[in-house]
PDB file of N, CA and C in Angstrom:
ATOM      1  N   UNK A   1      76.346  55.139  88.364  1.00  0.00           N
ATOM      2  CA  UNK A   1      76.988  53.789  88.142  1.00  0.00           C
ATOM      3  C   UNK A   1      78.654  54.168  87.369  1.00  0.00           C
ATOM      4  N   UNK A   2      79.779  53.309  88.107  1.00  0.00           N
ATOM      5  CA  UNK A   2      80.081  53.367  87.024  1.00  0.00           C
ATOM      6  C   UNK A   2      80.668  53.460  85.728  1.00  0.00           C
ATOM      7  N   UNK A   3      81.054  54.393  84.487  1.00  0.00           N
ATOM      8  CA  UNK A   3      81.105  54.406  83.362  1.00  0.00           C
ATOM      9  C   UNK A   3      79.807  55.117  83.296  1.00  0.00           C
ATOM     10  N   UNK A   4      79.124  55.557  83.642  1.00  0.00           N
ATOM     11  CA  UNK A   4      77.898  56.271  82.940  1.00  0.00           C
ATOM     12  C   UNK A   4      78.468  58.067  83.113  1.00  0.00           C
ATOM     13  N   UNK A   5      78.170  58.898  81.241  1.00  0.00           N
ATOM     14  CA  UNK A   5      78.369  59.636  81.433  1.00  0.00           C
ATOM     15  C   UNK A   5      77.639  61.026  82.547  1.00  0.00           C
ATOM     16  N   UNK A   6      78.944  61.305  83.268  1.00  0.00           N
ATOM     17  CA  UNK A   6      78.896  61.865  83.618  1.00  0.00           C
ATOM     18  C   UNK A   6      78.928  63.474  83.177  1.00  0.00           C
ATOM     19  N   UNK A   7      77.474  64.538  84.383  1.00  0.00           N
ATOM     20  CA  UNK A   7      77.028  66.105  83.810  1.00  0.00           C
ATOM     21  C   UNK A   7      78.979  67.149  84.898  1.00  0.00           C
ATOM     22  N   UNK A   8      79.404  67.948  83.194  1.00  0.00           N
ATOM     23  CA  UNK A   8      80.167  68.261  83.543  1.00  0.00           C
ATOM     24  C   UNK A   8      79.728  69.879  84.986  1.00  0.00           C
ATOM     25  N   UNK A   9      80.661  69.409  85.608  1.00  0.00           N
ATOM     26  CA  UNK A   9      80.932  71.228  87.122  1.00  0.00           C
ATOM     27  C   UNK A   9      81.410  72.559  86.461  1.00  0.00           C
ATOM     28  N   UNK A  10      80.301  72.762  86.587  1.00  0.00           N
ATOM     29  CA  UNK A  10      80.682  74.999  86.520  1.00  0.00           C
ATOM     30  C   UNK A  10      82.147  75.426  86.762  1.00  0.00           C
ATOM     31  N   UNK A  11      82.646  76.420  86.153  1.00  0.00           N
ATOM     32  CA  UNK A  11      82.811  77.090  86.330  1.00  0.00           C
ATOM     33  C   UNK A  11      82.423  78.692  88.371  1.00  0.00           C
ATOM     34  N   UNK A  12      83.407  78.798  89.214  1.00  0.00           N
ATOM     35  CA  UNK A  12      83.090  79.013  90.193  1.00  0.00           C
ATOM     36  C   UNK A  12      83.193  79.868  90.131  1.00  0.00           C
ATOM     37  N   UNK A  13      83.076  81.302  90.106  1.00  0.00           N
ATOM     38  CA  UNK A  13      83.833  82.510  90.548  1.00  0.00           C
ATOM     39  C   UNK A  13      84.167  83.051  91.922  1.00  0.00           C
ATOM     40  N   UNK A  14      83.658  81.665  92.942  1.00  0.00           N
ATOM     41  CA  UNK A  14      83.628  83.140  94.290  1.00  0.00           C
ATOM     42  C   UNK A  14      83.292  80.938  95.039  1.00  0.00           C
ATOM     43  N   UNK A  15      84.037  81.409  96.284  1.00  0.00           N
ATOM     44  CA  UNK A  15      83.825  80.435  96.763  1.00  0.00           C
ATOM     45  C   UNK A  15      82.321  80.090  97.454  1.00  0.00           C
ATOM     46  N   UNK A  16      81.282  81.041  98.246  1.00  0.00           N
ATOM     47  CA  UNK A  16      80.015  81.389  97.861  1.00  0.00           C
ATOM     48  C   UNK A  16      79.249  81.042  96.472  1.00  0.00           C
ATOM     49  N   UNK A  17      79.189  81.034  95.765  1.00  0.00           N
ATOM     50  CA  UNK A  17      78.748  80.657  95.001  1.00  0.00           C
ATOM     51  C   UNK A  17      79.553  79.280  94.672  1.00  0.00           C
ATOM     52  N   UNK A  18      80.090  78.338  94.628  1.00  0.00           N
ATOM     53  CA  UNK A  18      80.195  77.529  95.137  1.00  0.00           C
ATOM     54  C   UNK A  18      79.547  75.694  95.970  1.00  0.00           C
ATOM     55  N   UNK A  19      79.561  77.104  97.551  1.00  0.00           N
ATOM     56  CA  UNK A  19      78.877  76.005  97.533  1.00  0.00           C
ATOM     57  C   UNK A  19      77.346  76.260  97.877  1.00  0.00           C
ATOM     58  N   UNK A  20      76.747  77.387  97.441  1.00  0.00           N
ATOM     59  CA  UNK A  20      75.492  77.506  96.492  1.00  0.00           C
ATOM     60  C   UNK A  20      75.011  76.486  96.011  1.00  0.00           C
ATOM     61  N   UNK A  21      75.887  76.741  94.899  1.00  0.00           N
ATOM     62  CA  UNK A  21      75.813  75.293  94.283  1.00  0.00           C
ATOM     63  C   UNK A  21      76.069  73.414  94.482  1.00  0.00           C
ATOM     64  N   UNK A  22      76.769  73.318  95.300  1.00  0.00           N
ATOM     65  CA  UNK A  22      76.602  71.922  96.265  1.00  0.00           C
ATOM     66  C   UNK A  22      75.735  71.553  96.693  1.00  0.00           C
ATOM     67  N   UNK A  23      75.151  72.931  97.051  1.00  0.00           N
ATOM     68  CA  UNK A  23      74.302  73.225  98.420  1.00  0.00           C
ATOM     69  C   UNK A  23      72.860  72.041  98.200  1.00  0.00           C
ATOM     70  N   UNK A  24      72.924  72.714  97.043  1.00  0.00           N
ATOM     71  CA  UNK A  24      71.636  72.417  95.671  1.00  0.00           C
ATOM     72  C   UNK A  24      71.529  71.198  94.585  1.00  0.00           C
ATOM     73  N   UNK A  25      72.792  70.935  94.422  1.00  0.00           N
ATOM     74  CA  UNK A  25      72.691  69.613  93.325  1.00  0.00           C
ATOM     75  C   UNK A  25      72.993  68.849  94.107  1.00  0.00           C
ATOM     76  N   UNK A  26      73.706  67.381  94.102  1.00  0.00           N
ATOM     77  CA  UNK A  26      73.835  65.944  94.136  1.00  0.00           C
ATOM     78  C   UNK A  26      75.031  65.961  93.901  1.00  0.00           C
ATOM     79  N   UNK A  27      76.352  65.620  94.024  1.00  0.00           N
ATOM     80  CA  UNK A  27      77.567  65.877  93.712  1.00  0.00           C
ATOM     81  C   UNK A  27      77.153  64.620  92.619  1.00  0.00           C
ATOM     82  N   UNK A  28      76.816  63.249  93.142  1.00  0.00           N
ATOM     83  CA  UNK A  28      76.719  62.077  92.486  1.00  0.00           C
ATOM     84  C   UNK A  28      76.455  62.310  90.406  1.00  0.00           C
ATOM     85  N   UNK A  29      75.695  63.629  90.558  1.00  0.00           N
ATOM     86  CA  UNK A  29      75.739  63.634  88.892  1.00  0.00           C
ATOM     87  C   UNK A  29      77.005  64.190  88.141  1.00  0.00           C
ATOM     88  N   UNK A  30      78.038  64.681  89.167  1.00  0.00           N
ATOM     89  CA  UNK A  30      79.176  64.892  88.490  1.00  0.00           C
ATOM     90  C   UNK A  30      80.067  64.566  88.598  1.00  0.00           C
ATOM     91  N   UNK A  31      80.076  63.878  89.304  1.00  0.00           N
ATOM     92  CA  UNK A  31      81.382  62.797  90.009  1.00  0.00           C
ATOM     93  C   UNK A  31      81.247  60.980  90.019  1.00  0.00           C
ATOM     94  N   UNK A  32      82.093  60.410  90.105  1.00  0.00           N
ATOM     95  CA  UNK A  32      82.187  59.170  90.457  1.00  0.00           C
ATOM     96  C   UNK A  32      82.260  58.945  91.335  1.00  0.00           C
ATOM     97  N   UNK A  33      82.404  58.413  92.041  1.00  0.00           N
ATOM     98  CA  UNK A  33      82.721  58.422  93.040  1.00  0.00           C
ATOM     99  C   UNK A  33      83.572  57.014  93.577  1.00  0.00           C
ATOM    100  N   UNK A  34      83.231  56.134  92.913  1.00  0.00           N
ATOM    101  CA  UNK A  34      83.470  54.987  92.781  1.00  0.00           C
ATOM    102  C   UNK A  34      84.131  54.555  92.298  1.00  0.00           C
ATOM    103  N   UNK A  35      85.141  55.359  91.525  1.00  0.00           N
ATOM    104  CA  UNK A  35      87.137  55.572  91.212  1.00  0.00           C
ATOM    105  C   UNK A  35      87.635  56.367  91.917  1.00  0.00           C
ATOM    106  N   UNK A  36      86.463  57.225  92.546  1.00  0.00           N
ATOM    107  CA  UNK A  36      87.245  58.361  93.062  1.00  0.00           C
ATOM    108  C   UNK A  36      88.756  58.173  94.706  1.00  0.00           C
ATOM    109  N   UNK A  37      89.790  58.509  93.884  1.00  0.00           N
ATOM    110  CA  UNK A  37      91.181  58.336  94.787  1.00  0.00           C
ATOM    111  C   UNK A  37      91.478  59.296  95.720  1.00  0.00           C
ATOM    112  N   UNK A  38      91.856  58.891  97.226  1.00  0.00           N
ATOM    113  CA  UNK A  38      91.862  59.880  98.163  1.00  0.00           C
ATOM    114  C   UNK A  38      93.704  60.604  98.629  1.00  0.00           C
ATOM    115  N   UNK A  39      93.453  61.427  98.620  1.00  0.00           N
ATOM    116  CA  UNK A  39      94.237  62.207  98.324  1.00  0.00           C
ATOM    117  C   UNK A  39      95.260  62.733 100.655  1.00  0.00           C
ATOM    118  N   UNK A  40      96.023  62.947 100.114  1.00  0.00           N
ATOM    119  CA  UNK A  40      96.364  63.997 101.357  1.00  0.00           C
ATOM    120  C   UNK A  40      96.929  65.456 100.476  1.00  0.00           C
ATOM    121  N   UNK A  41      96.262  66.478 101.661  1.00  0.00           N
ATOM    122  CA  UNK A  41      96.688  67.726 100.814  1.00  0.00           C
ATOM    123  C   UNK A  41      97.072  68.212 102.415  1.00  0.00           C
ATOM    124  N   UNK A  42      98.631  67.710 102.538  1.00  0.00           N
ATOM    125  CA  UNK A  42      99.024  68.104 103.393  1.00  0.00           C
ATOM    126  C   UNK A  42      99.514  70.173 104.328  1.00  0.00           C
ATOM    127  N   UNK A  43      99.627  70.684 102.996  1.00  0.00           N
ATOM    128  CA  UNK A  43      99.530  72.446 103.041  1.00  0.00           C
ATOM    129  C   UNK A  43      98.281  72.829 103.099  1.00  0.00           C
ATOM    130  N   UNK A  44      96.948  72.224 103.547  1.00  0.00           N
ATOM    131  CA  UNK A  44      95.798  72.745 103.030  1.00  0.00           C
ATOM    132  C   UNK A  44      94.892  72.894 105.051  1.00  0.00           C
ATOM    133  N   UNK A  45      94.904  74.311 104.976  1.00  0.00           N
ATOM    134  CA  UNK A  45      95.105  74.848 106.406  1.00  0.00           C
ATOM    135  C   UNK A  45      92.826  75.374 106.803  1.00  0.00           C
ATOM    136  N   UNK A  46      92.789  75.601 107.409  1.00  0.00           N
ATOM    137  CA  UNK A  46      91.442  74.684 108.005  1.00  0.00           C
ATOM    138  C   UNK A  46      90.908  76.113 108.077  1.00  0.00           C
ATOM    139  N   UNK A  47      89.493  76.672 107.280  1.00  0.00           N
ATOM    140  CA  UNK A  47      89.315  78.510 107.455  1.00  0.00           C
ATOM    141  C   UNK A  47      88.989  78.735 108.093  1.00  0.00           C
ATOM    142  N   UNK A  48      89.488  79.795 109.290  1.00  0.00           N
ATOM    143  CA  UNK A  48      89.145  80.492 110.847  1.00  0.00           C
ATOM    144  C   UNK A  48      88.176  81.052 110.772  1.00  0.00           C
ATOM    145  N   UNK A  49      87.280  81.812 111.182  1.00  0.00           N
ATOM    146  CA  UNK A  49      86.261  82.988 111.640  1.00  0.00           C
ATOM    147  C   UNK A  49      86.786  82.889 113.545  1.00  0.00           C
ATOM    148  N   UNK A  50      87.311  84.641 113.080  1.00  0.00           N
ATOM    149  CA  UNK A  50      86.824  85.046 114.563  1.00  0.00           C
ATOM    150  C   UNK A  50      85.705  85.072 115.325  1.00  0.00           C
ATOM    151  N   UNK A  51      85.713  84.910 117.065  1.00  0.00           N
ATOM    152  CA  UNK A  51      84.993  85.161 117.482  1.00  0.00           C
ATOM    153  C   UNK A  51      85.355  85.907 118.589  1.00  0.00           C
ATOM    154  N   UNK A  52      84.598  86.255 119.310  1.00  0.00           N
ATOM    155  CA  UNK A  52      84.127  87.235 120.674  1.00  0.00           C
ATOM    156  C   UNK A  52      83.339  86.320 121.538  1.00  0.00           C
ATOM    157  N   UNK A  53      84.439  85.663 123.070  1.00  0.00           N
ATOM    158  CA  UNK A  53      83.247  85.376 124.243  1.00  0.00           C
ATOM    159  C   UNK A  53      83.994  85.996 125.846  1.00  0.00           C
ATOM    160  N   UNK A  54      82.819  85.953 125.940  1.00  0.00           N
ATOM    161  CA  UNK A  54      83.527  86.165 127.362  1.00  0.00           C
ATOM    162  C   UNK A  54      83.793  85.060 128.423  1.00  0.00           C
ATOM    163  N   UNK A  55      84.215  85.170 128.884  1.00  0.00           N
ATOM    164  CA  UNK A  55      84.431  84.525 130.445  1.00  0.00           C
ATOM    165  C   UNK A  55      85.401  85.241 131.091  1.00  0.00           C
ATOM    166  N   UNK A  56      85.823  84.751 132.737  1.00  0.00           N
ATOM    167  CA  UNK A  56      85.354  84.923 133.640  1.00  0.00           C
ATOM    168  C   UNK A  56      87.016  85.460 134.024  1.00  0.00           C
ATOM    169  N   UNK A  57      87.557  86.481 134.390  1.00  0.00           N
ATOM    170  CA  UNK A  57      88.880  86.866 134.583  1.00  0.00           C
ATOM    171  C   UNK A  57      89.627  85.623 135.159  1.00  0.00           C
ATOM    172  N   UNK A  58      89.125  85.066 135.778  1.00  0.00           N
ATOM    173  CA  UNK A  58      89.964  84.253 137.015  1.00  0.00           C
ATOM    174  C   UNK A  58      90.186  83.313 135.530  1.00  0.00           C
ATOM    175  N   UNK A  59      89.391  82.435 134.917  1.00  0.00           N
ATOM    176  CA  UNK A  59      89.246  81.883 134.021  1.00  0.00           C
ATOM    177  C   UNK A  59      90.095  81.531 133.312  1.00  0.00           C
ATOM    178  N   UNK A  60      90.056  83.195 132.681  1.00  0.00           N
ATOM    179  CA  UNK A  60      91.363  83.842 131.357  1.00  0.00           C
ATOM    180  C   UNK A  60      93.012  83.801 132.155  1.00  0.00           C
ATOM    181  N   UNK A  61      92.794  83.966 133.755  1.00  0.00           N
ATOM    182  CA  UNK A  61      94.214  83.702 134.457  1.00  0.00           C
ATOM    183  C   UNK A  61      94.314  82.476 134.325  1.00  0.00           C
ATOM    184  N   UNK A  62      93.594  81.855 134.947  1.00  0.00           N
ATOM    185  CA  UNK A  62      94.605  80.144 135.299  1.00  0.00           C
ATOM    186  C   UNK A  62      94.175  79.618 133.864  1.00  0.00           C
ATOM    187  N   UNK A  63      93.493  79.361 132.868  1.00  0.00           N
ATOM    188  CA  UNK A  63      94.479  79.657 131.369  1.00  0.00           C
ATOM    189  C   UNK A  63      96.363  79.926 130.529  1.00  0.00           C
ATOM    190  N   UNK A  64      96.253  81.210 131.190  1.00  0.00           N
ATOM    191  CA  UNK A  64      97.301  81.862 131.002  1.00  0.00           C
ATOM    192  C   UNK A  64      98.538  80.354 132.129  1.00  0.00           C
ATOM    193  N   UNK A  65      97.919  80.423 132.748  1.00  0.00           N
ATOM    194  CA  UNK A  65      99.236  79.475 133.949  1.00  0.00           C
ATOM    195  C   UNK A  65      99.231  78.021 133.672  1.00  0.00           C
ATOM    196  N   UNK A  66      97.963  77.393 132.629  1.00  0.00           N
ATOM    197  CA  UNK A  66      98.278  75.981 132.563  1.00  0.00           C
ATOM    198  C   UNK A  66      99.076  76.221 130.926  1.00  0.00           C
ATOM    199  N   UNK A  67      99.404  77.087 129.975  1.00  0.00           N
ATOM    200  CA  UNK A  67      99.134  77.616 128.948  1.00  0.00           C
ATOM    201  C   UNK A  67     101.070  77.837 129.612  1.00  0.00           C
ATOM    202  N   UNK A  68     101.144  78.646 130.374  1.00  0.00           N
ATOM    203  CA  UNK A  68     102.215  79.044 130.297  1.00  0.00           C
ATOM    204  C   UNK A  68     102.961  77.937 131.335  1.00  0.00           C
ATOM    205  N   UNK A  69     102.686  76.832 131.414  1.00  0.00           N
ATOM    206  CA  UNK A  69     103.523  75.607 131.554  1.00  0.00           C
ATOM    207  C   UNK A  69     104.206  74.828 130.920  1.00  0.00           C
ATOM    208  N   UNK A  70     103.113  74.617 129.683  1.00  0.00           N
ATOM    209  CA  UNK A  70     103.029  73.963 128.383  1.00  0.00           C
ATOM    210  C   UNK A  70     103.921  74.794 127.407  1.00  0.00           C
ATOM    211  N   UNK A  71     104.483  75.949 127.631  1.00  0.00           N
ATOM    212  CA  UNK A  71     104.817  77.166 126.929  1.00  0.00           C
ATOM    213  C   UNK A  71     104.568  76.933 125.702  1.00  0.00           C
ATOM    214  N   UNK A  72     103.156  77.581 125.544  1.00  0.00           N
ATOM    215  CA  UNK A  72     102.137  77.903 124.256  1.00  0.00           C
ATOM    216  C   UNK A  72     100.927  79.722 124.896  1.00  0.00           C
ATOM    217  N   UNK A  73     100.192  80.035 123.752  1.00  0.00           N
ATOM    218  CA  UNK A  73      99.568  80.603 123.293  1.00  0.00           C
ATOM    219  C   UNK A  73      98.474  80.489 124.210  1.00  0.00           C
ATOM    220  N   UNK A  74      97.648  80.990 125.270  1.00  0.00           N
ATOM    221  CA  UNK A  74      96.499  80.436 125.857  1.00  0.00           C
ATOM    222  C   UNK A  74      95.521  80.368 125.364  1.00  0.00           C
ATOM    223  N   UNK A  75      95.329  80.907 123.644  1.00  0.00           N
ATOM    224  CA  UNK A  75      95.039  80.827 123.357  1.00  0.00           C
ATOM    225  C   UNK A  75      94.569  79.863 121.961  1.00  0.00           C
ATOM    226  N   UNK A  76      95.848  79.388 122.415  1.00  0.00           N
ATOM    227  CA  UNK A  76      96.086  78.078 121.090  1.00  0.00           C
ATOM    228  C   UNK A  76      95.385  76.930 122.348  1.00  0.00           C
ATOM    229  N   UNK A  77      95.661  76.664 123.606  1.00  0.00           N
ATOM    230  CA  UNK A  77      95.332  76.102 124.374  1.00  0.00           C
ATOM    231  C   UNK A  77      93.882  75.608 124.941  1.00  0.00           C
ATOM    232  N   UNK A  78      93.317  77.102 124.772  1.00  0.00           N
ATOM    233  CA  UNK A  78      92.007  76.702 124.633  1.00  0.00           C
ATOM    234  C   UNK A  78      91.310  76.087 123.563  1.00  0.00           C
ATOM    235  N   UNK A  79      91.884  76.670 122.606  1.00  0.00           N
ATOM    236  CA  UNK A  79      91.466  75.951 120.768  1.00  0.00           C
ATOM    237  C   UNK A  79      92.079  74.080 120.566  1.00  0.00           C
ATOM    238  N   UNK A  80      93.299  73.414 121.748  1.00  0.00           N
ATOM    239  CA  UNK A  80      93.527  72.261 122.149  1.00  0.00           C
ATOM    240  C   UNK A  80      91.461  72.088 123.094  1.00  0.00           C
ATOM    241  N   UNK A  81      91.671  72.348 123.870  1.00  0.00           N
ATOM    242  CA  UNK A  81      90.554  72.227 124.775  1.00  0.00           C
ATOM    243  C   UNK A  81      89.150  71.886 124.206  1.00  0.00           C
ATOM    244  N   UNK A  82      88.824  73.821 123.614  1.00  0.00           N
ATOM    245  CA  UNK A  82      88.114  72.835 122.902  1.00  0.00           C
ATOM    246  C   UNK A  82      88.055  71.450 122.295  1.00  0.00           C
ATOM    247  N   UNK A  83      88.378  71.342 121.038  1.00  0.00           N
ATOM    248  CA  UNK A  83      88.526  70.282 119.987  1.00  0.00           C
ATOM    249  C   UNK A  83      88.398  69.352 120.258  1.00  0.00           C
ATOM    250  N   UNK A  84      89.409  68.638 121.636  1.00  0.00           N
ATOM    251  CA  UNK A  84      88.737  68.400 122.481  1.00  0.00           C
ATOM    252  C   UNK A  84      87.937  67.182 123.277  1.00  0.00           C
ATOM    253  N   UNK A  85      87.015  68.034 123.397  1.00  0.00           N
ATOM    254  CA  UNK A  85      85.948  68.467 123.661  1.00  0.00           C
ATOM    255  C   UNK A  85      84.898  68.090 123.037  1.00  0.00           C
ATOM    256  N   UNK A  86      84.626  68.798 121.960  1.00  0.00           N
ATOM    257  CA  UNK A  86      84.127  68.265 120.624  1.00  0.00           C
ATOM    258  C   UNK A  86      84.526  67.224 121.010  1.00  0.00           C
ATOM    259  N   UNK A  87      84.936  67.102 119.675  1.00  0.00           N
ATOM    260  CA  UNK A  87      86.296  65.074 119.419  1.00  0.00           C
ATOM    261  C   UNK A  87      84.906  63.665 120.803  1.00  0.00           C
ATOM    262  N   UNK A  88      85.443  64.050 122.317  1.00  0.00           N
ATOM    263  CA  UNK A  88      84.923  63.732 122.677  1.00  0.00           C
ATOM    264  C   UNK A  88      82.827  63.506 122.841  1.00  0.00           C
ATOM    265  N   UNK A  89      82.289  65.037 122.605  1.00  0.00           N
ATOM    266  CA  UNK A  89      81.235  64.674 121.938  1.00  0.00           C
ATOM    267  C   UNK A  89      80.802  64.208 120.795  1.00  0.00           C
ATOM    268  N   UNK A  90      81.128  64.142 119.981  1.00  0.00           N
ATOM    269  CA  UNK A  90      81.045  63.546 118.882  1.00  0.00           C
ATOM    270  C   UNK A  90      80.799  62.049 118.846  1.00  0.00           C
ATOM    271  N   UNK A  91      81.607  62.082 119.843  1.00  0.00           N
ATOM    272  CA  UNK A  91      82.350  59.767 119.668  1.00  0.00           C
ATOM    273  C   UNK A  91      81.077  59.467 120.801  1.00  0.00           C
ATOM    274  N   UNK A  92      80.648  60.985 121.415  1.00  0.00           N
ATOM    275  CA  UNK A  92      79.084  59.604 122.714  1.00  0.00           C
ATOM    276  C   UNK A  92      78.157  59.824 121.793  1.00  0.00           C
ATOM    277  N   UNK A  93      77.573  60.741 120.911  1.00  0.00           N
ATOM    278  CA  UNK A  93      77.053  60.936 120.004  1.00  0.00           C
ATOM    279  C   UNK A  93      76.165  60.298 118.772  1.00  0.00           C
TER     280      UNK A  93
END
């Protein structure tokens, strides 16, 4: 409810500590979402995690050829392909 006193958000010592806190607590007890404003964070970069994936050599070669035609690294092209497919699957679900 607007105007209702909200609980104080604790200080966190790590991202993991904050993640655990928010997974166990309802944000509406701490934040008045009705008065929240949208903000753009143009310099925010997504967290990245390195993975290892085994692909057929021919698939990697095809990917490199396509990437070379577009003048981009093949790993970047692979990320674009994955992002496009994930978006398509999300819209279909």
